[in-house]
Protein backbone atom coordinates (compact mmCIF):
# COMPACT_ATOMS: atom_id res chain seq x y z
CA UNK A 1 -134.61 -281.59 -127.28
CA UNK A 2 -137.59 -279.09 -127.96
CA UNK A 3 -137.53 -276.89 -130.88
CA UNK A 4 -139.94 -273.79 -131.32
CA UNK A 5 -140.42 -270.57 -132.90
CA UNK A 6 -141.13 -267.27 -131.52
CA UNK A 7 -141.94 -264.68 -134.05
CA UNK A 8 -139.46 -265.37 -136.86
CA UNK A 9 -136.88 -266.79 -134.58
CA UNK A 10 -136.03 -270.56 -134.06
CA UNK A 11 -135.24 -271.33 -130.54
CA UNK A 12 -134.72 -274.76 -128.71
CA UNK A 13 -134.00 -276.25 -125.11
CA UNK A 14 -132.73 -279.41 -123.95
CA UNK A 15 -131.70 -281.10 -120.69
CA UNK A 16 -128.48 -280.49 -118.88
CA UNK A 17 -127.39 -283.54 -117.33
CA UNK A 18 -123.71 -282.77 -116.06
CA UNK A 19 -121.16 -280.13 -115.59
CA UNK A 20 -117.41 -280.98 -115.57
CA UNK A 21 -118.60 -284.65 -115.60
CA UNK A 22 -120.51 -284.30 -112.42
CA UNK A 23 -124.15 -284.96 -112.46
CA UNK A 24 -126.14 -281.83 -111.75
CA UNK A 25 -128.06 -281.69 -108.33
CA UNK A 26 -131.13 -280.42 -109.79
CA UNK A 27 -132.53 -281.13 -113.33
CA UNK A 28 -131.98 -278.06 -115.66
CA UNK A 29 -131.87 -277.13 -119.28
CA UNK A 30 -129.56 -275.24 -121.78
CA UNK A 31 -130.98 -273.06 -124.33
CA UNK A 32 -130.17 -272.42 -128.05
CA UNK A 33 -130.53 -269.36 -130.21
CA UNK A 34 -128.76 -267.36 -132.99
CA UNK A 35 -125.89 -265.31 -131.96
CA UNK A 36 -125.58 -261.72 -132.61
CA UNK A 37 -122.91 -259.12 -132.32
CA UNK A 38 -123.58 -258.80 -128.54
CA UNK A 39 -122.18 -262.12 -128.02
CA UNK A 40 -118.80 -261.64 -129.89
CA UNK A 41 -116.80 -261.52 -126.73
CA UNK A 42 -118.30 -264.70 -125.40
CA UNK A 43 -117.72 -266.37 -128.65
CA UNK A 44 -113.91 -265.35 -128.59
CA UNK A 45 -113.60 -266.60 -125.15
CA UNK A 46 -115.23 -269.86 -125.90
CA UNK A 47 -113.06 -270.45 -129.01
CA UNK A 48 -109.89 -269.75 -126.80
CA UNK A 49 -111.05 -272.20 -124.23
CA UNK A 50 -111.76 -275.01 -126.41
CA UNK A 51 -108.60 -274.64 -128.35
CA UNK A 52 -106.40 -274.71 -125.08
CA UNK A 53 -108.16 -277.96 -124.08
CA UNK A 54 -107.12 -279.92 -127.34
CA UNK A 55 -104.67 -282.78 -126.72
CA UNK A 56 -101.77 -283.56 -129.09
CA UNK A 57 -102.67 -284.32 -132.57
CA UNK A 58 -105.99 -282.67 -132.24
CA UNK A 59 -104.84 -279.17 -133.59
CA UNK A 60 -106.90 -279.69 -136.83
CA UNK A 61 -110.22 -280.51 -134.93
CA UNK A 62 -111.07 -276.74 -134.73
CA UNK A 63 -109.56 -273.45 -135.73
CA UNK A 64 -108.82 -270.85 -133.07
CA UNK A 65 -110.44 -267.48 -133.68
CA UNK A 66 -110.18 -264.04 -132.16
CA UNK A 67 -112.77 -261.29 -131.66
CA UNK A 68 -111.93 -259.58 -135.07
CA UNK A 69 -112.69 -262.95 -136.97
CA UNK A 70 -116.28 -263.05 -135.40
CA UNK A 71 -116.72 -259.50 -136.05
CA UNK A 72 -115.94 -260.00 -139.84
CA UNK A 73 -118.35 -263.12 -139.98
CA UNK A 74 -121.24 -261.08 -138.41
CA UNK A 75 -120.94 -258.99 -141.66
CA UNK A 76 -122.05 -261.94 -143.90
CA UNK A 77 -125.82 -262.14 -144.02
CA UNK A 78 -125.73 -265.86 -145.02
CA UNK A 79 -123.46 -266.83 -141.94
CA UNK A 80 -125.76 -267.69 -139.06
CA UNK A 81 -123.84 -268.57 -135.78
CA UNK A 82 -126.03 -270.35 -133.10
CA UNK A 83 -125.11 -270.93 -129.66
CA UNK A 84 -126.11 -272.86 -126.44
CA UNK A 85 -126.35 -271.10 -123.15
CA UNK A 86 -126.53 -272.34 -119.56
CA UNK A 87 -128.04 -269.22 -118.02
CA UNK A 88 -126.01 -266.47 -119.51
CA UNK A 89 -122.77 -268.48 -120.04
CA UNK A 90 -122.15 -269.55 -123.66
CA UNK A 91 -121.29 -273.25 -123.47
CA UNK A 92 -121.37 -274.21 -127.20
CA UNK A 93 -121.49 -272.59 -130.73
CA UNK A 94 -121.37 -273.37 -134.19
CA UNK A 95 -122.59 -271.95 -137.55
CA UNK A 96 -124.75 -272.68 -140.58
CA UNK A 97 -123.61 -270.77 -143.70
CA UNK A 98 -125.70 -270.66 -146.87
CA UNK A 99 -123.65 -271.09 -149.98
CA UNK A 100 -124.68 -270.40 -153.56
CA UNK A 101 -121.52 -270.31 -155.59
CA UNK A 102 -118.60 -272.87 -156.45
CA UNK A 103 -116.08 -270.63 -154.71
CA UNK A 104 -118.19 -270.15 -151.46
CA UNK A 105 -118.82 -273.97 -151.42
CA UNK A 106 -115.00 -274.70 -151.74
CA UNK A 107 -114.38 -272.55 -148.70
CA UNK A 108 -116.59 -274.68 -146.67
CA UNK A 109 -116.64 -277.96 -148.43
CA UNK A 110 -113.17 -278.37 -150.25
CA UNK A 111 -113.57 -281.06 -152.85
CA UNK A 112 -113.98 -281.54 -156.42
CA UNK A 113 -116.90 -284.12 -155.97
CA UNK A 114 -119.93 -281.90 -155.91
CA UNK A 115 -121.68 -282.62 -158.91
CA UNK A 116 -124.46 -284.32 -156.66
CA UNK A 117 -125.63 -280.85 -155.79
CA UNK A 118 -126.60 -280.18 -159.31
CA UNK A 119 -126.66 -276.84 -160.97
CA UNK A 120 -128.00 -273.63 -159.40
CA UNK A 121 -127.53 -275.20 -156.05
CA UNK A 122 -128.16 -273.65 -152.52
CA UNK A 123 -126.49 -275.67 -149.71
CA UNK A 124 -126.21 -275.05 -145.98
CA UNK A 125 -122.66 -275.71 -144.69
CA UNK A 126 -122.33 -276.66 -141.00
CA UNK A 127 -119.00 -275.78 -139.37
CA UNK A 128 -117.24 -274.80 -136.21
CA UNK A 129 -118.90 -277.33 -133.87
CA UNK A 130 -117.58 -276.24 -130.40
CA UNK A 131 -118.50 -277.31 -126.99
CA UNK A 132 -116.94 -276.04 -123.73
CA UNK A 133 -114.94 -278.80 -122.02
CA UNK A 134 -116.91 -278.53 -118.85
CA UNK A 135 -120.22 -279.43 -120.58
CA UNK A 136 -119.41 -282.30 -122.66
CA UNK A 137 -121.44 -285.43 -122.34
CA UNK A 138 -124.78 -283.51 -122.50
CA UNK A 139 -125.49 -284.31 -126.27
CA UNK A 140 -125.02 -280.60 -127.06
CA UNK A 141 -123.21 -281.26 -130.46
CA UNK A 142 -125.88 -283.57 -131.61
CA UNK A 143 -128.68 -281.13 -130.54
CA UNK A 144 -126.95 -278.36 -132.32
CA UNK A 145 -126.73 -280.10 -135.46
CA UNK A 146 -130.37 -280.92 -135.31
CA UNK A 147 -131.05 -277.26 -134.53
CA UNK A 148 -129.16 -276.18 -137.49
CA UNK A 149 -130.97 -278.62 -139.73
CA UNK A 150 -134.31 -277.09 -138.59
CA UNK A 151 -132.68 -273.76 -139.35
CA UNK A 152 -131.75 -274.81 -142.84
CA UNK A 153 -135.09 -276.41 -143.40
CA UNK A 154 -137.04 -273.20 -142.44
CA UNK A 155 -134.87 -271.43 -145.14
CA UNK A 156 -136.15 -274.10 -147.73
CA UNK A 157 -132.53 -275.58 -148.13
CA UNK A 158 -132.35 -278.97 -149.61
CA UNK A 159 -128.63 -279.98 -149.02
CA UNK A 160 -126.65 -279.82 -145.74
CA UNK A 161 -122.91 -280.27 -145.74
CA UNK A 162 -120.06 -280.40 -143.31
CA UNK A 163 -116.55 -281.68 -142.98
CA UNK A 164 -114.98 -283.36 -139.90
CA UNK A 165 -111.20 -284.13 -139.24
CA UNK A 166 -110.86 -287.91 -139.82
CA UNK A 167 -109.41 -288.44 -136.53
CA UNK A 168 -112.20 -286.82 -134.77
CA UNK A 169 -114.58 -289.75 -134.22
CA UNK A 170 -116.30 -287.87 -131.35
CA UNK A 171 -117.75 -285.40 -133.99
CA UNK A 172 -118.65 -288.00 -136.49
CA UNK A 173 -121.16 -289.79 -134.25
CA UNK A 174 -123.55 -286.82 -133.69
CA UNK A 175 -123.59 -286.26 -137.46
CA UNK A 176 -124.35 -289.93 -138.10
CA UNK A 177 -126.98 -289.75 -135.37
CA UNK A 178 -128.55 -286.81 -137.48
CA UNK A 179 -128.69 -289.10 -140.61
CA UNK A 180 -125.70 -287.57 -142.38
CA UNK A 181 -123.67 -289.93 -144.39
CA UNK A 182 -119.85 -289.66 -145.19
CA UNK A 183 -119.66 -289.63 -148.98
CA UNK A 184 -115.91 -289.08 -149.27
CA UNK A 185 -112.80 -287.63 -147.91
CA UNK A 186 -110.31 -284.99 -148.96
CA UNK A 187 -107.55 -282.57 -147.68
CA UNK A 188 -108.46 -279.27 -146.14
CA UNK A 189 -106.27 -276.65 -147.91
CA UNK A 190 -106.54 -274.19 -144.80
CA UNK A 191 -104.50 -276.58 -142.66
CA UNK A 192 -103.55 -279.61 -144.57
CA UNK A 193 -105.80 -281.85 -142.42
CA UNK A 194 -107.29 -285.13 -143.52
CA UNK A 195 -111.21 -284.45 -143.66
CA UNK A 196 -114.26 -286.42 -144.07
CA UNK A 197 -117.19 -285.18 -146.13
CA UNK A 198 -120.54 -285.41 -144.57
CA UNK A 199 -123.96 -284.65 -146.47
CA UNK A 200 -127.69 -284.93 -145.78
CA UNK A 201 -130.71 -284.45 -147.89
CA UNK A 202 -133.51 -282.75 -146.15
CA UNK A 203 -136.29 -283.48 -148.69
CA UNK A 204 -135.91 -287.22 -149.17
CA UNK A 205 -134.24 -290.32 -147.79
CA UNK A 206 -131.05 -291.43 -149.47
CA UNK A 207 -131.06 -294.60 -151.57
CA UNK A 208 -129.15 -297.01 -149.36
CA UNK A 209 -129.77 -299.90 -146.98
CA UNK A 210 -128.10 -300.15 -143.43
CA UNK A 211 -128.50 -303.73 -142.98
CA UNK A 212 -125.82 -305.25 -145.09
CA UNK A 213 -122.93 -303.31 -144.15
CA UNK A 214 -119.25 -303.91 -143.72
CA UNK A 215 -116.86 -302.46 -141.12
CA UNK A 216 -113.74 -300.76 -141.95
CA UNK A 217 -111.38 -299.40 -139.34
CA UNK A 218 -111.34 -295.57 -139.25
CA UNK A 219 -107.64 -295.43 -139.80
CA UNK A 220 -107.64 -297.42 -142.93
CA UNK A 221 -107.74 -294.24 -145.03
CA UNK A 222 -106.50 -295.68 -148.18
CA UNK A 223 -109.07 -298.44 -148.30
CA UNK A 224 -111.66 -296.19 -147.37
CA UNK A 225 -110.86 -293.79 -150.03
CA UNK A 226 -110.99 -296.69 -152.81
CA UNK A 227 -114.46 -297.56 -151.25
CA UNK A 228 -115.75 -294.07 -151.35
CA UNK A 229 -114.52 -293.80 -155.05
CA UNK A 230 -116.04 -296.98 -156.10
CA UNK A 231 -119.73 -296.35 -155.14
CA UNK A 232 -119.92 -296.70 -151.22
CA UNK A 233 -120.64 -294.45 -148.32
CA UNK A 234 -120.25 -294.61 -144.44
CA UNK A 235 -123.55 -294.54 -142.56
CA UNK A 236 -122.40 -294.94 -138.97
CA UNK A 237 -119.73 -295.68 -136.57
CA UNK A 238 -119.21 -298.74 -134.48
CA UNK A 239 -117.55 -297.83 -131.12
CA UNK A 240 -116.81 -301.53 -130.39
CA UNK A 241 -114.65 -301.94 -133.57
CA UNK A 242 -113.65 -298.19 -134.05
CA UNK A 243 -114.93 -298.65 -137.54
CA UNK A 244 -117.05 -296.93 -140.08
CA UNK A 245 -120.12 -298.77 -141.40
CA UNK A 246 -119.91 -299.00 -145.15
CA UNK A 247 -122.76 -299.71 -147.67
CA UNK A 248 -123.16 -299.36 -151.46
CA UNK A 249 -124.80 -296.16 -152.64
CA UNK A 250 -124.26 -294.77 -156.15
CA UNK A 251 -125.65 -291.39 -155.57
CA UNK A 252 -122.46 -289.64 -155.28
CA UNK A 253 -120.68 -291.27 -158.24
CA UNK A 254 -120.08 -290.17 -161.84
CA UNK A 255 -121.37 -292.43 -164.55
CA UNK A 256 -119.34 -295.75 -165.47
CA UNK A 257 -117.93 -296.48 -161.92
CA UNK A 258 -117.51 -300.03 -160.81
CA UNK A 259 -120.41 -301.35 -158.65
CA UNK A 260 -120.20 -302.74 -155.05
CA UNK A 261 -118.04 -305.65 -154.99
CA UNK A 262 -119.35 -308.63 -152.68
CA UNK A 263 -115.81 -309.84 -152.38
CA UNK A 264 -115.42 -307.33 -149.55
CA UNK A 265 -117.87 -309.15 -147.38
CA UNK A 266 -116.87 -311.84 -144.91
CA UNK A 267 -119.16 -313.97 -142.76
CA UNK A 268 -118.98 -311.66 -139.84
CA UNK A 269 -119.77 -308.48 -142.04
CA UNK A 270 -116.22 -307.22 -141.65
CA UNK A 271 -113.83 -306.66 -144.51
CA UNK A 272 -111.88 -309.64 -145.77
CA UNK A 273 -108.11 -308.62 -146.25
């Protein structure tokens, strides 16, 4: 993907490999830019198309919104929707919202564990990751995350946050690919869904090592919650084992928490039950 600026606008383009799972006959590109009021009809249509494509048990992956919702969101000067286009067709969209208060933060990142942001914080919350079903397989979600990180960086934001449904492994992978970590889990009060809490610092590397990790199956929610609460984070996803890669990291912990327990390690780097 190529990110560039034109005036005060951030733009990008990336290769388009396939449409409806069929390779394109001639190489092409899709383009990314900030969305405006002129795009609201296309945004509502895309939201409806994606929601209709969800399978059973995936209802919490994304919220369905109508035109009035996007009209309202456009009134918020700190809500920045971005979209990907194949020609004039909107094929993906998402947003980055700049939050500066605890109330705003809880609307986007509903958890009590936010002390790592410090006082007087300003954070970029990434949400509404949406890709048209016909255009999956083009790395669009990963590229749009990267695009929004550049957007946040341009606004001199230090902390980027996002939530993901814990069953939505397809959305975890592009966040891990963009160097986010999963620092905890909670319940989304808007729909009662189980959510993973994702974070990335833009100004420095997080204090952890990937080498000595253990792998915990993604559906072991209780065990993962205990690990998150005791000074550990997830830094990747293993497709072969359907597991999160867990490493010690005290950055998100309060004082006086117990440290990494080497008893969790087994010879193969998997959790020893």
